C-alpha atoms as a PDB file:
ATOM      1  CA  MET A   1     -10.719   2.264   2.598  1.00  0.00           C
ATOM      2  CA  ARG A   2     -10.399   4.057  -0.706  1.00  0.00           C
ATOM      3  CA  ILE A   3     -11.986   2.549  -3.809  1.00  0.00           C
ATOM      4  CA  PHE A   4     -10.025   3.145  -7.007  1.00  0.00           C
ATOM      5  CA  THR A   5     -10.756   2.733 -10.681  1.00  0.00           C
ATOM      6  CA  LYS A   6      -8.687   0.026 -12.362  1.00  0.00           C
ATOM      7  CA  GLU A   7      -6.397   2.681 -13.868  1.00  0.00           C
ATOM      8  CA  GLU A   8      -5.933   4.499 -10.549  1.00  0.00           C
ATOM      9  CA  ALA A   9      -5.133   1.246  -8.730  1.00  0.00           C
ATOM     10  CA  ALA A  10      -2.511   0.337 -11.338  1.00  0.00           C
ATOM     11  CA  SER A  11      -0.951   3.801 -11.175  1.00  0.00           C
ATOM     12  CA  VAL A  12      -0.917   3.871  -7.356  1.00  0.00           C
ATOM     13  CA  THR A  13       0.604   0.383  -7.220  1.00  0.00           C
ATOM     14  CA  LYS A  14       3.326   1.245  -9.715  1.00  0.00           C
ATOM     15  CA  TYR A  15       4.309   4.521  -8.038  1.00  0.00           C
ATOM     16  CA  TYR A  16       4.197   3.405  -4.400  1.00  0.00           C
ATOM     17  CA  SER A  17       5.826  -0.004  -5.016  1.00  0.00           C
ATOM     18  CA  GLU A  18       9.104   1.765  -5.735  1.00  0.00           C
ATOM     19  CA  ILE A  19       8.815   3.696  -2.466  1.00  0.00           C
ATOM     20  CA  LEU A  20       7.206   1.271  -0.006  1.00  0.00           C
ATOM     21  CA  ILE A  21       8.596  -2.187  -0.784  1.00  0.00           C
ATOM     22  CA  GLY A  22      11.158  -2.969   1.888  1.00  0.00           C
ATOM     23  CA  LYS A  23       9.677  -0.460   4.356  1.00  0.00           C
ATOM     24  CA  PRO A  24       7.940  -1.608   7.560  1.00  0.00           C
ATOM     25  CA  ILE A  25       4.227  -2.299   7.388  1.00  0.00           C
ATOM     26  CA  THR A  26       4.019  -1.663  11.128  1.00  0.00           C
ATOM     27  CA  PRO A  27       3.913   1.798  12.752  1.00  0.00           C
ATOM     28  CA  PRO A  28       7.198   3.656  13.326  1.00  0.00           C
ATOM     29  CA  GLY A  29       8.953   2.521  16.495  1.00  0.00           C
ATOM     30  CA  ASP A  30       7.428  -0.978  16.443  1.00  0.00           C
ATOM     31  CA  SER A  31      10.011  -3.337  17.920  1.00  0.00           C
ATOM     32  CA  ASN A  32       9.155  -6.142  15.473  1.00  0.00           C
ATOM     33  CA  PRO A  33       8.629  -4.535  12.065  1.00  0.00           C
ATOM     34  CA  PHE A  34       7.440  -6.610   9.149  1.00  0.00           C
ATOM     35  CA  LEU A  35       8.723  -5.385   5.800  1.00  0.00           C
ATOM     36  CA  ILE A  36       6.444  -4.821   2.809  1.00  0.00           C
ATOM     37  CA  THR A  37       7.109  -7.360   0.071  1.00  0.00           C
ATOM     38  CA  SER A  38       4.480  -6.303  -2.477  1.00  0.00           C
ATOM     39  CA  LEU A  39       1.532  -4.053  -3.233  1.00  0.00           C
ATOM     40  CA  ASP A  40      -1.533  -5.931  -4.387  1.00  0.00           C
ATOM     41  CA  ILE A  41      -4.694  -4.840  -6.168  1.00  0.00           C
ATOM     42  CA  LYS A  42      -7.903  -6.495  -5.055  1.00  0.00           C
ATOM     43  CA  LYS A  43     -11.259  -6.288  -6.816  1.00  0.00           C
ATOM     44  CA  VAL A  44     -14.167  -5.099  -4.694  1.00  0.00           C
ATOM     45  CA  ASN A  45     -17.810  -4.505  -5.616  1.00  0.00           C
ATOM     46  CA  ASP A  46     -17.489  -1.112  -7.278  1.00  0.00           C
ATOM     47  CA  GLY A  47     -13.791  -0.909  -8.046  1.00  0.00           C
ATOM     48  CA  TYR A  48     -10.399  -1.833  -6.660  1.00  0.00           C
ATOM     49  CA  THR A  49      -8.373  -1.456  -3.471  1.00  0.00           C
ATOM     50  CA  VAL A  50      -4.620  -1.532  -2.955  1.00  0.00           C
ATOM     51  CA  TYR A  51      -3.013  -3.385  -0.053  1.00  0.00           C
ATOM     52  CA  CYS A  52       0.539  -3.592   1.199  1.00  0.00           C
ATOM     53  CA  THR A  53       1.551  -7.184   1.853  1.00  0.00           C
ATOM     54  CA  CYS A  54       4.362  -8.628   3.930  1.00  0.00           C
ATOM     55  CA  ASN A  55       5.397 -12.239   4.390  1.00  0.00           C
ATOM     56  CA  ILE A  56       5.616 -13.057   8.091  1.00  0.00           C
ATOM     57  CA  VAL A  57       6.573 -16.738   8.045  1.00  0.00           C
ATOM     58  CA  ALA A  58       6.253 -19.539   5.529  1.00  0.00           C
ATOM     59  CA  GLY A  59       2.783 -19.341   4.052  1.00  0.00           C
ATOM     60  CA  LYS A  60       1.562 -16.534   6.322  1.00  0.00           C
ATOM     61  CA  SER A  61       1.147 -12.926   5.246  1.00  0.00           C
ATOM     62  CA  ALA A  62      -0.062  -9.684   6.786  1.00  0.00           C
ATOM     63  CA  TYR A  63      -1.909  -6.965   4.925  1.00  0.00           C
ATOM     64  CA  SER A  64      -2.476  -3.283   5.489  1.00  0.00           C
ATOM     65  CA  ASN A  65      -4.462  -0.729   3.567  1.00  0.00           C
ATOM     66  CA  ILE A  66      -2.155   1.456   1.490  1.00  0.00           C
ATOM     67  CA  GLU A  67      -3.682   4.646   2.917  1.00  0.00           C
ATOM     68  CA  LYS A  68      -2.674   3.607   6.437  1.00  0.00           C
ATOM     69  CA  VAL A  69       0.884   2.754   5.399  1.00  0.00           C
ATOM     70  CA  ILE A  70       1.281   6.022   3.469  1.00  0.00           C
ATOM     71  CA  SER A  71       0.052   8.014   6.469  1.00  0.00           C
ATOM     72  CA  GLN A  72       2.848   6.429   8.560  1.00  0.00           C
ATOM     73  CA  SER A  73       5.527   7.097   5.939  1.00  0.00           C
ATOM     74  CA  ASP A  74       7.111  10.300   4.787  1.00  0.00           C
ATOM     75  CA  CYS A  75       6.111  10.015   1.150  1.00  0.00           C
ATOM     76  CA  LEU A  76       3.714  11.861  -1.127  1.00  0.00           C
ATOM     77  CA  HIS A  77       0.174  11.673   0.252  1.00  0.00           C
ATOM     78  CA  LEU A  78      -2.252   9.611  -1.778  1.00  0.00           C
ATOM     79  CA  GLU A  79      -4.627  12.494  -2.497  1.00  0.00           C
ATOM     80  CA  GLU A  80      -1.776  14.652  -3.770  1.00  0.00           C
ATOM     81  CA  PHE A  81      -0.503  11.835  -5.973  1.00  0.00           C
ATOM     82  CA  LEU A  82      -3.948  11.249  -7.468  1.00  0.00           C
ATOM     83  CA  THR A  83      -4.522  14.971  -8.023  1.00  0.00           C
ATOM     84  CA  ASN A  84      -1.246  15.210  -9.925  1.00  0.00           C
ATOM     85  CA  GLN A  85      -2.103  12.138 -12.042  1.00  0.00           C
ATOM     86  CA  TYR A  86      -5.646  13.034 -13.041  1.00  0.00           C
END
């Protein structure tokens, strides 16, 4: 799990929200894909993390680390995005 600065987390969330919202949170080929509804920043001890969230049923959500979701998608890799930003 990658720890971001507050600025990195905001930038990652903004960029990847446009790409990942509406995409499956589950691996390709999963017969019951749950679609990403939001990207959320969570505070941790030394920084921030970014999670992809999907609503499964009323009041229940599933979460996945953004790095895992990006690795299963054909979008710009996180390290490349961060290198280009900073």
